[in-house]
Amino acid sequence: MGLKEVFDDYEAYETAVAEDLRVQRRRANISLKEMSERIGLHANTIAKCERHEFGLGLDILFGYAKVLGRPLASFFNRLESRVKPEGNPVAELTGEEMILYSQMLQSLFTMFAEKGIKLSGESSFDATRLVATAIIEQRQELS
């Protein structure tokens, strides 16, 4: 018995992740061929992953995160926020704001790492919520 049989919503979740990979690659103006070269997989494999015809492994998600310059968790957080928007400020971010959010988090965590500061899982989560909330507040001030 596999995940698909145990969890009814797994198939929809994996499909949404696959679609998000394609959307984010296109937003970054990266072709299938270029993505495949940078990840080290055949272009047909990348295309099948994005169409959810091929299972997504952590290696593929990690490659996309590295090439796109995004935190690996951003692929999951966006999808979870669609399911539970009431408790996750990331759910309120637009596509452009999501890119800014990812860039800010990378900068923040890079700075922590350079200073030798290690955050607990809870502190990391609080930092991500803080960044998302700040972006939302900025948008509200501008409108």
N, C-alpha and C. Protein backbone atom coordinates (compact mmCIF):
# COMPACT_ATOMS: atom_id res chain seq x y z
N MET A 1 0.85 -1.17 0.00
CA MET A 1 0.00 0.00 0.00
C MET A 1 0.89 1.24 0.00
N GLY A 2 0.55 2.21 -0.84
CA GLY A 2 1.36 3.42 -0.94
C GLY A 2 0.62 4.65 -0.44
N LEU A 3 1.30 5.78 -0.53
CA LEU A 3 0.73 7.05 -0.07
C LEU A 3 -0.61 7.36 -0.73
N LYS A 4 -0.70 7.08 -2.01
CA LYS A 4 -1.91 7.42 -2.75
C LYS A 4 -3.12 6.65 -2.22
N GLU A 5 -2.89 5.45 -1.71
CA GLU A 5 -3.99 4.66 -1.16
C GLU A 5 -4.32 5.07 0.28
N VAL A 6 -3.32 5.51 1.00
CA VAL A 6 -3.52 5.86 2.41
C VAL A 6 -4.10 7.27 2.57
N PHE A 7 -3.61 8.21 1.78
CA PHE A 7 -4.05 9.60 1.89
C PHE A 7 -4.80 10.01 0.62
N ASP A 8 -6.08 10.24 0.76
CA ASP A 8 -6.92 10.58 -0.39
C ASP A 8 -6.47 11.86 -1.10
N ASP A 9 -5.91 12.80 -0.36
CA ASP A 9 -5.56 14.09 -0.95
C ASP A 9 -4.13 14.13 -1.50
N TYR A 10 -3.39 13.03 -1.41
CA TYR A 10 -2.00 13.05 -1.87
C TYR A 10 -1.88 13.35 -3.36
N GLU A 11 -2.69 12.72 -4.17
CA GLU A 11 -2.62 12.89 -5.63
C GLU A 11 -2.81 14.37 -6.01
N ALA A 12 -3.81 15.01 -5.42
CA ALA A 12 -4.07 16.43 -5.71
C ALA A 12 -2.90 17.30 -5.24
N TYR A 13 -2.34 16.94 -4.09
CA TYR A 13 -1.21 17.70 -3.55
C TYR A 13 0.01 17.58 -4.47
N GLU A 14 0.32 16.38 -4.90
CA GLU A 14 1.47 16.18 -5.77
C GLU A 14 1.25 16.87 -7.12
N THR A 15 0.04 16.83 -7.62
CA THR A 15 -0.29 17.51 -8.88
C THR A 15 -0.08 19.01 -8.73
N ALA A 16 -0.52 19.58 -7.63
CA ALA A 16 -0.35 21.01 -7.40
C ALA A 16 1.13 21.40 -7.30
N VAL A 17 1.92 20.57 -6.64
CA VAL A 17 3.37 20.84 -6.56
C VAL A 17 3.98 20.81 -7.96
N ALA A 18 3.62 19.81 -8.75
CA ALA A 18 4.14 19.70 -10.11
C ALA A 18 3.80 20.92 -10.95
N GLU A 19 2.55 21.38 -10.84
CA GLU A 19 2.14 22.58 -11.58
C GLU A 19 2.90 23.81 -11.11
N ASP A 20 3.15 23.89 -9.81
CA ASP A 20 3.89 25.03 -9.27
C ASP A 20 5.32 25.05 -9.78
N LEU A 21 5.91 23.88 -9.96
CA LEU A 21 7.27 23.82 -10.51
C LEU A 21 7.31 24.45 -11.90
N ARG A 22 6.33 24.11 -12.72
CA ARG A 22 6.27 24.67 -14.08
C ARG A 22 6.05 26.18 -14.04
N VAL A 23 5.12 26.62 -13.20
CA VAL A 23 4.82 28.06 -13.10
C VAL A 23 6.06 28.84 -12.67
N GLN A 24 6.74 28.34 -11.66
CA GLN A 24 7.92 29.06 -11.15
C GLN A 24 9.07 29.04 -12.16
N ARG A 25 9.23 27.94 -12.89
CA ARG A 25 10.28 27.88 -13.91
C ARG A 25 10.00 28.90 -15.00
N ARG A 26 8.76 28.96 -15.42
CA ARG A 26 8.39 29.92 -16.48
C ARG A 26 8.53 31.35 -16.01
N ARG A 27 8.15 31.63 -14.78
CA ARG A 27 8.30 32.99 -14.23
C ARG A 27 9.76 33.42 -14.25
N ALA A 28 10.65 32.47 -14.04
CA ALA A 28 12.08 32.76 -14.03
C ALA A 28 12.67 32.76 -15.44
N ASN A 29 11.81 32.57 -16.46
CA ASN A 29 12.25 32.55 -17.86
C ASN A 29 13.33 31.51 -18.11
N ILE A 30 13.12 30.34 -17.55
CA ILE A 30 14.06 29.23 -17.74
C ILE A 30 13.36 28.18 -18.59
N SER A 31 13.98 27.80 -19.69
CA SER A 31 13.39 26.79 -20.59
C SER A 31 13.52 25.40 -19.96
N LEU A 32 12.73 24.46 -20.50
CA LEU A 32 12.85 23.08 -20.05
C LEU A 32 14.26 22.57 -20.26
N LYS A 33 14.83 22.89 -21.43
CA LYS A 33 16.18 22.43 -21.75
C LYS A 33 17.19 22.97 -20.75
N GLU A 34 17.10 24.28 -20.46
CA GLU A 34 18.04 24.87 -19.51
C GLU A 34 17.87 24.28 -18.12
N MET A 35 16.61 24.10 -17.69
CA MET A 35 16.36 23.50 -16.37
C MET A 35 16.95 22.10 -16.32
N SER A 36 16.74 21.33 -17.37
CA SER A 36 17.24 19.96 -17.38
C SER A 36 18.77 19.93 -17.31
N GLU A 37 19.41 20.84 -18.01
CA GLU A 37 20.88 20.90 -17.98
C GLU A 37 21.38 21.30 -16.60
N ARG A 38 20.69 22.25 -15.97
CA ARG A 38 21.14 22.72 -14.66
C ARG A 38 20.88 21.73 -13.55
N ILE A 39 19.82 20.92 -13.70
CA ILE A 39 19.51 19.92 -12.69
C ILE A 39 20.24 18.61 -12.97
N GLY A 40 20.52 18.37 -14.24
CA GLY A 40 21.22 17.14 -14.59
C GLY A 40 20.28 16.00 -14.95
N LEU A 41 19.08 16.33 -15.40
CA LEU A 41 18.12 15.32 -15.82
C LEU A 41 17.71 15.61 -17.27
N HIS A 42 17.17 14.63 -17.94
CA HIS A 42 16.73 14.79 -19.32
C HIS A 42 15.52 15.73 -19.36
N ALA A 43 15.40 16.52 -20.42
CA ALA A 43 14.29 17.46 -20.56
C ALA A 43 12.94 16.75 -20.52
N ASN A 44 12.87 15.53 -21.08
CA ASN A 44 11.61 14.78 -21.04
C ASN A 44 11.21 14.44 -19.60
N THR A 45 12.19 14.16 -18.77
CA THR A 45 11.91 13.87 -17.36
C THR A 45 11.34 15.10 -16.67
N ILE A 46 11.96 16.25 -16.93
CA ILE A 46 11.49 17.51 -16.34
C ILE A 46 10.06 17.79 -16.80
N ALA A 47 9.80 17.64 -18.09
CA ALA A 47 8.46 17.89 -18.63
C ALA A 47 7.43 16.95 -17.99
N LYS A 48 7.78 15.69 -17.83
CA LYS A 48 6.86 14.73 -17.22
C LYS A 48 6.61 15.06 -15.75
N CYS A 49 7.63 15.54 -15.05
CA CYS A 49 7.44 15.94 -13.66
C CYS A 49 6.45 17.10 -13.57
N GLU A 50 6.61 18.07 -14.46
CA GLU A 50 5.76 19.25 -14.44
C GLU A 50 4.32 18.93 -14.85
N ARG A 51 4.12 17.85 -15.59
CA ARG A 51 2.78 17.42 -16.00
C ARG A 51 2.22 16.35 -15.06
N HIS A 52 2.96 16.05 -14.03
CA HIS A 52 2.60 15.04 -13.05
C HIS A 52 2.45 13.66 -13.67
N GLU A 53 3.31 13.36 -14.63
CA GLU A 53 3.34 12.04 -15.24
C GLU A 53 4.49 11.21 -14.67
N PHE A 54 5.28 11.83 -13.83
CA PHE A 54 6.45 11.19 -13.25
C PHE A 54 6.49 11.64 -11.79
N GLY A 55 6.75 10.74 -10.87
CA GLY A 55 6.78 11.09 -9.46
C GLY A 55 7.84 12.13 -9.13
N LEU A 56 7.50 12.99 -8.21
CA LEU A 56 8.44 14.02 -7.77
C LEU A 56 9.23 13.51 -6.58
N GLY A 57 10.53 13.51 -6.73
CA GLY A 57 11.39 13.13 -5.62
C GLY A 57 12.00 14.37 -5.00
N LEU A 58 12.52 14.21 -3.82
CA LEU A 58 13.16 15.32 -3.13
C LEU A 58 14.31 15.87 -3.97
N ASP A 59 15.00 15.01 -4.72
CA ASP A 59 16.11 15.47 -5.55
C ASP A 59 15.64 16.46 -6.61
N ILE A 60 14.49 16.21 -7.21
CA ILE A 60 13.96 17.11 -8.23
C ILE A 60 13.53 18.43 -7.60
N LEU A 61 12.83 18.36 -6.48
CA LEU A 61 12.40 19.58 -5.79
C LEU A 61 13.61 20.40 -5.34
N PHE A 62 14.62 19.72 -4.83
CA PHE A 62 15.83 20.41 -4.39
C PHE A 62 16.49 21.11 -5.58
N GLY A 63 16.56 20.43 -6.72
CA GLY A 63 17.14 21.04 -7.91
C GLY A 63 16.40 22.28 -8.34
N TYR A 64 15.08 22.22 -8.36
CA TYR A 64 14.28 23.39 -8.73
C TYR A 64 14.54 24.54 -7.76
N ALA A 65 14.56 24.24 -6.47
CA ALA A 65 14.80 25.28 -5.46
C ALA A 65 16.15 25.95 -5.68
N LYS A 66 17.17 25.16 -5.96
CA LYS A 66 18.51 25.72 -6.19
C LYS A 66 18.55 26.57 -7.46
N VAL A 67 18.02 26.05 -8.55
CA VAL A 67 18.06 26.77 -9.83
C VAL A 67 17.23 28.05 -9.76
N LEU A 68 16.07 27.98 -9.11
CA LEU A 68 15.20 29.15 -9.04
C LEU A 68 15.57 30.10 -7.91
N GLY A 69 16.50 29.70 -7.06
CA GLY A 69 16.92 30.56 -5.97
C GLY A 69 15.84 30.75 -4.92
N ARG A 70 15.08 29.68 -4.67
CA ARG A 70 13.98 29.75 -3.71
C ARG A 70 14.20 28.72 -2.62
N PRO A 71 13.68 28.98 -1.43
CA PRO A 71 13.76 27.96 -0.38
C PRO A 71 12.91 26.76 -0.78
N LEU A 72 13.39 25.59 -0.49
CA LEU A 72 12.67 24.36 -0.81
C LEU A 72 11.27 24.39 -0.21
N ALA A 73 11.16 24.90 0.99
CA ALA A 73 9.86 24.92 1.68
C ALA A 73 8.83 25.78 0.97
N SER A 74 9.25 26.70 0.13
CA SER A 74 8.28 27.59 -0.52
C SER A 74 7.34 26.82 -1.44
N PHE A 75 7.76 25.70 -1.98
CA PHE A 75 6.87 24.90 -2.81
C PHE A 75 5.76 24.27 -1.98
N PHE A 76 6.07 23.94 -0.74
CA PHE A 76 5.09 23.31 0.12
C PHE A 76 4.23 24.34 0.85
N ASN A 77 4.86 25.39 1.35
CA ASN A 77 4.12 26.40 2.11
C ASN A 77 2.99 27.01 1.30
N ARG A 78 3.23 27.29 0.03
CA ARG A 78 2.20 27.88 -0.82
C ARG A 78 1.02 26.94 -0.94
N LEU A 79 1.28 25.67 -1.07
CA LEU A 79 0.19 24.71 -1.25
C LEU A 79 -0.56 24.48 0.04
N GLU A 80 0.15 24.40 1.15
CA GLU A 80 -0.53 24.24 2.43
C GLU A 80 -1.35 25.46 2.75
N SER A 81 -0.88 26.63 2.37
CA SER A 81 -1.62 27.85 2.66
C SER A 81 -2.91 27.90 1.87
N ARG A 82 -2.98 27.23 0.72
CA ARG A 82 -4.24 27.18 -0.04
C ARG A 82 -5.27 26.35 0.71
N VAL A 83 -4.79 25.39 1.47
CA VAL A 83 -5.69 24.52 2.21
C VAL A 83 -6.12 25.18 3.52
N LYS A 84 -5.19 25.86 4.19
CA LYS A 84 -5.45 26.46 5.49
C LYS A 84 -5.09 27.95 5.47
N PRO A 85 -5.81 28.78 4.72
CA PRO A 85 -5.43 30.18 4.60
C PRO A 85 -5.59 30.99 5.88
N GLU A 86 -6.46 30.53 6.79
CA GLU A 86 -6.73 31.34 7.98
C GLU A 86 -5.53 31.50 8.90
N GLY A 87 -4.61 30.56 8.91
CA GLY A 87 -3.49 30.64 9.84
C GLY A 87 -2.15 30.91 9.20
N ASN A 88 -2.12 31.22 7.92
CA ASN A 88 -0.85 31.35 7.23
C ASN A 88 -0.83 32.62 6.39
N PRO A 89 -0.09 33.65 6.81
CA PRO A 89 -0.07 34.90 6.04
C PRO A 89 0.52 34.74 4.64
N VAL A 90 1.27 33.68 4.40
CA VAL A 90 1.84 33.45 3.07
C VAL A 90 0.71 33.26 2.05
N ALA A 91 -0.43 32.75 2.51
CA ALA A 91 -1.57 32.52 1.62
C ALA A 91 -2.07 33.81 0.99
N GLU A 92 -1.81 34.93 1.63
CA GLU A 92 -2.30 36.22 1.13
C GLU A 92 -1.35 36.86 0.12
N LEU A 93 -0.16 36.30 -0.07
CA LEU A 93 0.82 36.92 -0.96
C LEU A 93 0.48 36.68 -2.42
N THR A 94 0.69 37.70 -3.24
CA THR A 94 0.53 37.56 -4.67
C THR A 94 1.78 36.86 -5.22
N GLY A 95 1.77 36.55 -6.51
CA GLY A 95 2.94 35.91 -7.13
C GLY A 95 4.19 36.76 -6.99
N GLU A 96 4.08 38.05 -7.28
CA GLU A 96 5.24 38.94 -7.16
C GLU A 96 5.70 39.05 -5.71
N GLU A 97 4.74 39.13 -4.79
CA GLU A 97 5.09 39.21 -3.38
C GLU A 97 5.75 37.91 -2.91
N MET A 98 5.37 36.80 -3.49
CA MET A 98 5.97 35.51 -3.12
C MET A 98 7.44 35.48 -3.51
N ILE A 99 7.76 36.06 -4.65
CA ILE A 99 9.16 36.13 -5.08
C ILE A 99 9.95 37.00 -4.10
N LEU A 100 9.39 38.17 -3.75
CA LEU A 100 10.04 39.05 -2.78
C LEU A 100 10.20 38.34 -1.44
N TYR A 101 9.17 37.64 -1.02
CA TYR A 101 9.19 36.87 0.22
C TYR A 101 10.34 35.86 0.22
N SER A 102 10.48 35.12 -0.87
CA SER A 102 11.55 34.13 -0.98
C SER A 102 12.92 34.78 -0.92
N GLN A 103 13.08 35.90 -1.63
CA GLN A 103 14.36 36.61 -1.64
C GLN A 103 14.71 37.14 -0.25
N MET A 104 13.70 37.69 0.42
CA MET A 104 13.96 38.23 1.76
C MET A 104 14.33 37.13 2.75
N LEU A 105 13.64 35.99 2.65
CA LEU A 105 13.98 34.89 3.54
C LEU A 105 15.38 34.36 3.29
N GLN A 106 15.74 34.24 2.02
CA GLN A 106 17.10 33.79 1.71
C GLN A 106 18.13 34.74 2.29
N SER A 107 17.91 36.02 2.13
CA SER A 107 18.84 37.01 2.68
C SER A 107 18.92 36.92 4.20
N LEU A 108 17.75 36.81 4.82
CA LEU A 108 17.69 36.74 6.28
C LEU A 108 18.43 35.51 6.81
N PHE A 109 18.13 34.35 6.23
CA PHE A 109 18.76 33.12 6.72
C PHE A 109 20.24 33.06 6.36
N THR A 110 20.63 33.67 5.25
CA THR A 110 22.05 33.75 4.90
C THR A 110 22.78 34.60 5.93
N MET A 111 22.17 35.73 6.30
CA MET A 111 22.79 36.60 7.31
C MET A 111 22.94 35.86 8.64
N PHE A 112 21.90 35.13 9.04
CA PHE A 112 22.00 34.36 10.28
C PHE A 112 23.14 33.35 10.20
N ALA A 113 23.23 32.65 9.08
CA ALA A 113 24.27 31.64 8.90
C ALA A 113 25.66 32.26 8.94
N GLU A 114 25.82 33.42 8.30
CA GLU A 114 27.12 34.10 8.28
C GLU A 114 27.54 34.53 9.68
N LYS A 115 26.58 34.83 10.52
CA LYS A 115 26.86 35.26 11.89
C LYS A 115 26.91 34.08 12.86
N GLY A 116 26.69 32.87 12.33
CA GLY A 116 26.74 31.67 13.17
C GLY A 116 25.50 31.50 14.04
N ILE A 117 24.41 32.15 13.67
CA ILE A 117 23.17 32.05 14.45
C ILE A 117 22.34 30.90 13.90
N LYS A 118 21.97 29.99 14.79
CA LYS A 118 21.14 28.85 14.40
C LYS A 118 19.76 29.04 15.00
N LEU A 119 18.75 28.94 14.14
CA LEU A 119 17.37 29.09 14.60
C LEU A 119 16.73 27.73 14.81
N SER A 120 15.90 27.65 15.83
CA SER A 120 15.12 26.43 16.02
C SER A 120 14.03 26.39 14.95
N GLY A 121 13.39 25.26 14.80
CA GLY A 121 12.31 25.14 13.84
C GLY A 121 11.21 26.16 14.11
N GLU A 122 10.88 26.34 15.38
CA GLU A 122 9.83 27.29 15.74
C GLU A 122 10.26 28.73 15.42
N SER A 123 11.51 29.07 15.70
CA SER A 123 12.00 30.41 15.39
C SER A 123 12.05 30.65 13.89
N SER A 124 12.42 29.62 13.12
CA SER A 124 12.42 29.75 11.66
C SER A 124 11.01 30.00 11.15
N PHE A 125 10.05 29.27 11.71
CA PHE A 125 8.66 29.46 11.32
C PHE A 125 8.19 30.88 11.65
N ASP A 126 8.55 31.36 12.84
CA ASP A 126 8.17 32.72 13.24
C ASP A 126 8.78 33.75 12.30
N ALA A 127 10.02 33.52 11.87
CA ALA A 127 10.67 34.45 10.95
C ALA A 127 9.95 34.49 9.61
N THR A 128 9.52 33.33 9.12
CA THR A 128 8.82 33.31 7.83
C THR A 128 7.48 34.01 7.92
N ARG A 129 6.79 33.83 9.03
CA ARG A 129 5.50 34.53 9.23
C ARG A 129 5.73 36.04 9.33
N LEU A 130 6.79 36.45 10.00
CA LEU A 130 7.09 37.87 10.15
C LEU A 130 7.35 38.52 8.80
N VAL A 131 8.13 37.87 7.96
CA VAL A 131 8.43 38.41 6.63
C VAL A 131 7.16 38.54 5.81
N ALA A 132 6.33 37.51 5.81
CA ALA A 132 5.08 37.55 5.04
C ALA A 132 4.16 38.65 5.56
N THR A 133 4.06 38.78 6.88
CA THR A 133 3.21 39.81 7.48
C THR A 133 3.71 41.20 7.12
N ALA A 134 5.03 41.41 7.13
CA ALA A 134 5.59 42.71 6.78
C ALA A 134 5.27 43.08 5.33
N ILE A 135 5.34 42.12 4.44
CA ILE A 135 5.03 42.37 3.03
C ILE A 135 3.55 42.73 2.88
N ILE A 136 2.68 42.05 3.57
CA ILE A 136 1.24 42.33 3.53
C ILE A 136 0.96 43.73 4.07
N GLU A 137 1.60 44.07 5.19
CA GLU A 137 1.40 45.39 5.78
C GLU A 137 1.89 46.49 4.85
N GLN A 138 2.99 46.26 4.16
CA GLN A 138 3.51 47.24 3.21
C GLN A 138 2.50 47.45 2.07
N ARG A 139 1.96 46.35 1.57
CA ARG A 139 0.96 46.46 0.50
C ARG A 139 -0.24 47.27 0.96
N GLN A 140 -0.71 47.03 2.19
CA GLN A 140 -1.87 47.72 2.72
C GLN A 140 -1.59 49.21 2.91
N GLU A 141 -0.36 49.55 3.30
CA GLU A 141 0.01 50.96 3.46
C GLU A 141 0.04 51.68 2.12
N LEU A 142 0.45 50.98 1.07
CA LEU A 142 0.55 51.58 -0.25
C LEU A 142 -0.81 51.74 -0.93
N SER A 143 -1.81 50.97 -0.48
CA SER A 143 -3.12 51.06 -1.14
C SER A 143 -4.07 51.99 -0.42
